[in-house]
């Protein structure tokens, strides 16, 4: 990942206008978990493709991811990302929107640099474009849920599949395409990504409330503050008695409560219903399904070990 970090420090450095490119350098240089490029490179190696041949695919997906973060932070009014001010907070909303747009276009340019035949670049680009569109669909569902009263757990899983899981799946499948893996193996690695992506987002829901703020890099309880209908909230609403349900609906009816009072009251309901433990159980189910899909892929088991380990790390991470 060192070469990736160096590349991101240089890719927009010195370009003008500064207010377009400096925010791009700012967010790309923050590092983060680098989950998405790591998935691209691990998949490439598993399918027998040289990691350096997948480098620009990895950079494209990481750029796409950071584009979504810039815009999501504006929509969520999030002040902190990776322990630092978000792009729109450091500059302003208009600059952040334009920088995000430019970053998405730069991501597409990266795919044109992949050292392979034109037909393969087209296939990867089609997957990349479809992934990008589905992420937008997921984000719109997320925004719609803010004003919808009746959001089901199934609705929520559909939303996070689009908003989060399809990108992880796309990262993995892109390398399978680059390596000319079979259609069956391409689908299996894609479905593996969907399942670890769902587990990843459910763990993110847990971390929003139960994380160490300095480790997680975001303010605790942001989902509760903004009345986000997360998996934890929906499970609590499903399992609550009448009094608990009234309390949840009361606190999620407005953002004008004293935050500490609201956070503590909602957390108390969650804990009385063992919501965290129920969510962890579902996370483990997705991880187990992902591992079964990985077993079905027609490469040697020893080549899959890093992806097995990554599935566990993503689902049980602390940041």
Protein backbone atom coordinates (compact mmCIF):
# COMPACT_ATOMS: atom_id res chain seq x y z
CA UNK A 1 0.00 0.00 0.00
CA UNK A 2 3.01 2.32 0.30
CA UNK A 3 3.17 2.86 -3.46
CA UNK A 4 -0.57 3.58 -3.47
CA UNK A 5 -0.17 6.21 -0.76
CA UNK A 6 2.70 7.84 -2.66
CA UNK A 7 0.62 7.86 -5.83
CA UNK A 8 -2.30 9.53 -4.05
CA UNK A 9 -0.04 12.24 -2.65
CA UNK A 10 1.14 13.06 -6.17
CA UNK A 11 -1.86 12.44 -8.46
CA UNK A 12 -3.45 15.87 -7.88
CA UNK A 13 -0.51 17.70 -6.33
CA UNK A 14 0.40 21.01 -7.94
CA UNK A 15 -2.61 21.04 -10.25
CA UNK A 16 -4.75 24.13 -10.63
CA UNK A 17 -7.14 25.50 -9.63
CA UNK A 18 -5.97 24.77 -6.10
CA UNK A 19 -9.48 24.81 -4.62
CA UNK A 20 -10.41 21.90 -6.89
CA UNK A 21 -7.33 19.72 -6.46
CA UNK A 22 -6.15 20.50 -2.91
CA UNK A 23 -9.27 18.92 -1.36
CA UNK A 24 -8.64 15.82 -3.48
CA UNK A 25 -5.05 15.55 -2.25
CA UNK A 26 -6.32 16.20 1.29
CA UNK A 27 -8.77 13.30 1.38
CA UNK A 28 -6.66 10.83 -0.62
CA UNK A 29 -3.64 11.47 1.62
CA UNK A 30 -5.53 10.68 4.82
CA UNK A 31 -5.03 6.98 4.30
CA UNK A 32 -7.98 5.30 5.95
CA UNK A 33 -8.35 1.53 5.98
CA UNK A 34 -7.67 1.14 2.23
CA UNK A 35 -10.07 -1.81 2.25
CA UNK A 36 -11.15 -1.43 -1.35
CA UNK A 37 -7.74 -1.34 -3.08
CA UNK A 38 -6.61 -4.12 -0.79
CA UNK A 39 -9.50 -6.27 -2.01
CA UNK A 40 -8.59 -5.54 -5.63
CA UNK A 41 -4.97 -6.60 -5.08
CA UNK A 42 -5.80 -9.67 -2.96
CA UNK A 43 -8.26 -10.90 -5.57
CA UNK A 44 -5.73 -10.35 -8.35
CA UNK A 45 -3.12 -12.40 -6.54
CA UNK A 46 -5.61 -15.16 -5.71
CA UNK A 47 -6.57 -15.51 -9.37
CA UNK A 48 -2.95 -15.49 -10.50
CA UNK A 49 -2.73 -11.93 -11.83
CA UNK A 50 0.27 -9.75 -10.98
CA UNK A 51 -0.65 -7.16 -8.38
CA UNK A 52 1.02 -4.38 -10.35
CA UNK A 53 -1.33 -5.05 -13.27
CA UNK A 54 -4.28 -4.34 -10.96
CA UNK A 55 -2.75 -1.17 -9.49
CA UNK A 56 -4.85 1.30 -11.49
CA UNK A 57 -8.03 -0.69 -10.83
CA UNK A 58 -7.23 -0.42 -7.13
CA UNK A 59 -6.65 3.33 -7.37
CA UNK A 60 -9.91 3.78 -9.31
CA UNK A 61 -12.01 2.08 -6.65
CA UNK A 62 -10.31 3.97 -3.83
CA UNK A 63 -10.94 7.24 -5.66
CA UNK A 64 -14.58 6.28 -6.16
CA UNK A 65 -14.86 5.47 -2.47
CA UNK A 66 -13.43 8.82 -1.45
CA UNK A 67 -15.73 10.61 -3.88
CA UNK A 68 -18.69 9.03 -2.06
CA UNK A 69 -17.24 10.06 1.32
CA UNK A 70 -16.91 13.71 0.27
CA UNK A 71 -20.54 13.85 -0.85
CA UNK A 72 -21.91 11.69 1.99
CA UNK A 73 -20.32 13.98 4.57
CA UNK A 74 -22.12 16.96 3.03
CA UNK A 75 -25.46 15.14 3.06
CA UNK A 76 -24.94 13.86 6.61
CA UNK A 77 -23.54 17.18 7.88
CA UNK A 78 -20.63 15.17 9.28
CA UNK A 79 -17.85 17.34 10.77
CA UNK A 80 -15.15 14.68 11.19
CA UNK A 81 -13.78 11.96 8.92
CA UNK A 82 -10.75 9.84 9.85
CA UNK A 83 -10.19 12.12 12.84
CA UNK A 84 -9.89 15.26 10.68
CA UNK A 85 -12.32 17.93 9.45
CA UNK A 86 -14.35 16.74 6.47
CA UNK A 87 -13.68 18.36 3.10
CA UNK A 88 -16.76 20.58 3.17
CA UNK A 89 -15.91 21.71 6.71
CA UNK A 90 -12.33 22.59 5.82
CA UNK A 91 -13.35 24.36 2.58
CA UNK A 92 -17.09 24.70 1.91
CA UNK A 93 -19.99 22.75 0.42
CA UNK A 94 -19.63 24.01 -3.15
CA UNK A 95 -15.92 23.25 -3.29
CA UNK A 96 -16.52 19.80 -1.79
CA UNK A 97 -19.22 18.94 -4.36
CA UNK A 98 -16.97 19.94 -7.27
CA UNK A 99 -13.91 18.17 -5.82
CA UNK A 100 -15.99 15.01 -5.40
CA UNK A 101 -17.19 15.23 -9.00
CA UNK A 102 -13.62 15.66 -10.25
CA UNK A 103 -12.44 12.72 -8.18
CA UNK A 104 -15.09 10.45 -9.70
CA UNK A 105 -13.92 11.46 -13.20
CA UNK A 106 -10.28 10.86 -12.24
CA UNK A 107 -11.29 7.38 -11.10
CA UNK A 108 -12.62 6.59 -14.58
CA UNK A 109 -9.36 7.85 -16.09
CA UNK A 110 -7.43 5.37 -13.94
CA UNK A 111 -9.20 2.45 -15.62
CA UNK A 112 -7.85 3.53 -19.00
CA UNK A 113 -4.33 2.98 -17.65
CA UNK A 114 -4.83 -0.72 -16.82
CA UNK A 115 -2.27 -2.77 -18.79
CA UNK A 116 -4.60 -5.22 -20.52
CA UNK A 117 -6.56 -5.63 -23.74
CA UNK A 118 -9.37 -3.24 -24.69
CA UNK A 119 -12.13 -5.81 -24.25
CA UNK A 120 -11.08 -6.45 -20.64
CA UNK A 121 -10.89 -2.72 -19.89
CA UNK A 122 -14.43 -2.36 -21.25
CA UNK A 123 -15.71 -5.18 -19.02
CA UNK A 124 -14.05 -3.70 -15.93
CA UNK A 125 -15.35 -0.25 -16.83
CA UNK A 126 -18.90 -1.59 -17.24
CA UNK A 127 -18.68 -3.16 -13.79
CA UNK A 128 -17.23 0.07 -12.38
CA UNK A 129 -20.02 2.17 -13.91
CA UNK A 130 -22.74 -0.20 -12.70
CA UNK A 131 -21.21 -0.19 -9.22
CA UNK A 132 -21.11 3.61 -9.20
CA UNK A 133 -24.76 3.85 -10.22
CA UNK A 134 -25.86 1.33 -7.60
CA UNK A 135 -24.01 3.26 -4.90
CA UNK A 136 -26.03 6.33 -5.87
CA UNK A 137 -29.21 4.26 -5.68
CA UNK A 138 -28.25 3.10 -2.20
CA UNK A 139 -27.50 6.63 -1.06
CA UNK A 140 -30.89 7.80 -2.32
CA UNK A 141 -32.63 4.99 -0.44
CA UNK A 142 -30.69 6.08 2.66
CA UNK A 143 -31.91 9.65 2.22
CA UNK A 144 -35.48 8.46 1.57
CA UNK A 145 -35.46 6.42 4.78
CA UNK A 146 -34.93 9.59 6.81
CA UNK A 147 -38.49 10.70 6.06
CA UNK A 148 -40.17 7.29 5.75
CA UNK A 149 -41.89 5.95 8.86
CA UNK A 150 -42.07 2.29 7.86
CA UNK A 151 -38.64 0.99 6.94
CA UNK A 152 -38.24 -2.78 7.25
CA UNK A 153 -35.08 -4.71 8.03
CA UNK A 154 -35.30 -6.10 4.48
CA UNK A 155 -35.42 -2.53 3.11
CA UNK A 156 -32.35 -1.66 5.13
CA UNK A 157 -30.38 -4.69 3.93
CA UNK A 158 -31.25 -3.78 0.33
CA UNK A 159 -30.02 -0.24 0.94
CA UNK A 160 -26.68 -1.21 2.48
CA UNK A 161 -26.15 -3.83 -0.21
CA UNK A 162 -26.26 -1.01 -2.75
CA UNK A 163 -24.57 1.70 -0.73
CA UNK A 164 -21.72 -0.37 0.71
CA UNK A 165 -21.54 -4.01 -0.35
CA UNK A 166 -21.56 -3.64 -4.14
CA UNK A 167 -18.32 -1.66 -4.06
CA UNK A 168 -16.48 -4.37 -2.13
CA UNK A 169 -17.94 -6.95 -4.51
CA UNK A 170 -16.94 -4.87 -7.53
CA UNK A 171 -13.37 -4.56 -6.27
CA UNK A 172 -13.06 -8.32 -6.03
CA UNK A 173 -14.78 -9.12 -9.33
CA UNK A 174 -12.77 -6.53 -11.26
CA UNK A 175 -9.58 -8.48 -10.59
CA UNK A 176 -11.30 -11.73 -11.51
CA UNK A 177 -12.19 -10.12 -14.85
CA UNK A 178 -8.62 -8.85 -15.26
CA UNK A 179 -7.30 -12.37 -14.60
CA UNK A 180 -9.83 -13.87 -17.07
CA UNK A 181 -11.33 -16.10 -14.38
CA UNK A 182 -14.36 -18.22 -15.25
CA UNK A 183 -17.83 -16.65 -15.12
CA UNK A 184 -18.67 -18.96 -12.21
CA UNK A 185 -15.64 -17.82 -10.22
CA UNK A 186 -16.34 -14.18 -11.06
CA UNK A 187 -19.86 -14.53 -9.65
CA UNK A 188 -18.65 -16.38 -6.56
CA UNK A 189 -16.06 -13.75 -5.66
CA UNK A 190 -18.67 -11.04 -6.29
CA UNK A 191 -21.14 -12.74 -3.94
CA UNK A 192 -18.36 -13.19 -1.39
CA UNK A 193 -17.88 -9.43 -1.54
CA UNK A 194 -21.59 -8.78 -1.08
CA UNK A 195 -21.66 -10.84 2.09
CA UNK A 196 -18.55 -9.33 3.65
CA UNK A 197 -19.87 -5.92 2.63
CA UNK A 198 -23.13 -6.49 4.51
CA UNK A 199 -21.18 -7.70 7.53
CA UNK A 200 -18.88 -4.67 7.22
CA UNK A 201 -21.78 -2.20 7.29
CA UNK A 202 -23.56 -3.89 10.19
CA UNK A 203 -20.31 -3.70 12.14
CA UNK A 204 -20.15 -0.02 11.18
CA UNK A 205 -23.60 0.43 12.73
CA UNK A 206 -22.32 -1.12 15.95
CA UNK A 207 -19.14 0.97 15.95
CA UNK A 208 -21.10 4.20 15.54
CA UNK A 209 -22.45 3.65 19.04
CA UNK A 210 -19.93 1.39 20.76
CA UNK A 211 -16.56 2.44 19.34
CA UNK A 212 -13.61 4.21 20.89
CA UNK A 213 -13.91 7.65 19.26
CA UNK A 214 -10.14 8.09 18.90
CA UNK A 215 -9.83 4.67 17.23
CA UNK A 216 -12.94 4.94 15.05
CA UNK A 217 -12.19 8.49 13.91
CA UNK A 218 -15.80 9.67 13.98
CA UNK A 219 -18.02 11.15 16.68
CA UNK A 220 -19.91 8.49 18.65
CA UNK A 221 -23.66 8.25 18.24
CA UNK A 222 -23.90 10.15 14.97
CA UNK A 223 -26.57 7.79 13.66
CA UNK A 224 -28.74 8.38 16.72
CA UNK A 225 -28.14 12.12 16.56
CA UNK A 226 -29.36 12.20 12.94
CA UNK A 227 -32.23 9.71 13.48
CA UNK A 228 -30.66 7.19 11.10
CA UNK A 229 -32.70 4.01 10.82
CA UNK A 230 -29.77 1.65 11.25
CA UNK A 231 -29.95 -2.11 11.69
CA UNK A 232 -29.68 -1.63 15.46
CA UNK A 233 -32.65 0.73 15.51
CA UNK A 234 -34.80 -1.49 13.29
CA UNK A 235 -34.07 -4.61 15.37
CA UNK A 236 -34.88 -2.67 18.54
CA UNK A 237 -38.14 -1.43 17.03
CA UNK A 238 -39.03 -4.97 15.97
CA UNK A 239 -38.36 -6.49 19.39
CA UNK A 240 -39.49 -3.63 21.65
CA UNK A 241 -42.50 -3.77 23.93
CA UNK A 242 -45.08 -1.00 23.72
CA UNK A 243 -43.30 1.34 26.16
CA UNK A 244 -39.89 0.83 24.55
CA UNK A 245 -41.36 1.37 21.10
CA UNK A 246 -42.96 4.64 22.19
CA UNK A 247 -39.66 5.77 23.67
CA UNK A 248 -37.72 4.98 20.49
CA UNK A 249 -40.27 6.71 18.27
CA UNK A 250 -40.24 9.69 20.62
CA UNK A 251 -36.48 10.17 20.48
CA UNK A 252 -36.29 9.51 16.72
CA UNK A 253 -39.03 12.04 15.97
CA UNK A 254 -36.67 15.04 16.18
CA UNK A 255 -33.04 16.10 16.36
CA UNK A 256 -33.75 18.83 18.93
CA UNK A 257 -33.31 16.74 22.07
CA UNK A 258 -30.40 17.11 24.45
CA UNK A 259 -27.96 14.78 22.72
CA UNK A 260 -26.56 13.06 25.82
CA UNK A 261 -30.06 12.42 27.11
CA UNK A 262 -31.15 10.98 23.77
CA UNK A 263 -28.01 8.87 23.33
CA UNK A 264 -28.22 7.37 26.80
CA UNK A 265 -31.96 6.66 26.56
CA UNK A 266 -31.71 4.95 23.16
CA UNK A 267 -28.62 3.01 24.17
CA UNK A 268 -30.41 1.76 27.28
CA UNK A 269 -33.27 0.41 25.16
CA UNK A 270 -30.80 -1.24 22.79
CA UNK A 271 -28.98 -2.92 25.65
CA UNK A 272 -32.16 -4.13 27.32
CA UNK A 273 -33.06 -5.87 24.03
CA UNK A 274 -29.53 -7.23 23.38
CA UNK A 275 -29.51 -5.45 20.03
CA UNK A 276 -25.71 -5.42 19.75
CA UNK A 277 -25.51 -9.18 20.32
CA UNK A 278 -28.32 -9.87 17.82
CA UNK A 279 -26.52 -7.77 15.22
CA UNK A 280 -23.23 -9.57 15.86
CA UNK A 281 -25.03 -12.89 15.31
CA UNK A 282 -26.21 -11.75 11.86
CA UNK A 283 -22.73 -10.44 11.05
CA UNK A 284 -21.29 -13.88 11.74
CA UNK A 285 -23.92 -15.46 9.48
CA UNK A 286 -22.83 -13.23 6.59
CA UNK A 287 -19.18 -14.03 7.25
CA UNK A 288 -19.89 -17.76 7.30
CA UNK A 289 -21.78 -17.50 4.00
CA UNK A 290 -18.90 -15.52 2.49
CA UNK A 291 -16.43 -18.22 3.50
CA UNK A 292 -18.57 -20.91 1.89
CA UNK A 293 -18.60 -18.95 -1.35
CA UNK A 294 -14.83 -18.56 -1.18
CA UNK A 295 -14.47 -22.33 -0.78
CA UNK A 296 -16.34 -22.85 -4.06
CA UNK A 297 -13.83 -20.87 -6.12
CA UNK A 298 -11.60 -23.06 -8.28
CA UNK A 299 -8.17 -22.00 -7.03
CA UNK A 300 -5.94 -23.62 -4.44
CA UNK A 301 -7.08 -23.15 -0.84
CA UNK A 302 -3.73 -21.72 0.20
CA UNK A 303 -4.30 -18.80 -2.20
CA UNK A 304 -7.56 -17.95 -0.42
CA UNK A 305 -6.18 -17.65 3.09
CA UNK A 306 -5.69 -13.88 3.11
CA UNK A 307 -9.29 -13.35 2.00
CA UNK A 308 -10.56 -15.69 4.72
CA UNK A 309 -8.61 -13.64 7.25
CA UNK A 310 -9.79 -10.36 5.77
CA UNK A 311 -13.43 -11.44 6.03
CA UNK A 312 -12.97 -11.93 9.76
CA UNK A 313 -11.08 -8.67 10.22
CA UNK A 314 -13.63 -6.55 8.36
CA UNK A 315 -16.54 -7.99 10.28
CA UNK A 316 -14.96 -7.64 13.71
CA UNK A 317 -12.90 -4.49 13.30
CA UNK A 318 -12.72 -1.66 15.84
CA UNK A 319 -12.46 1.17 13.32
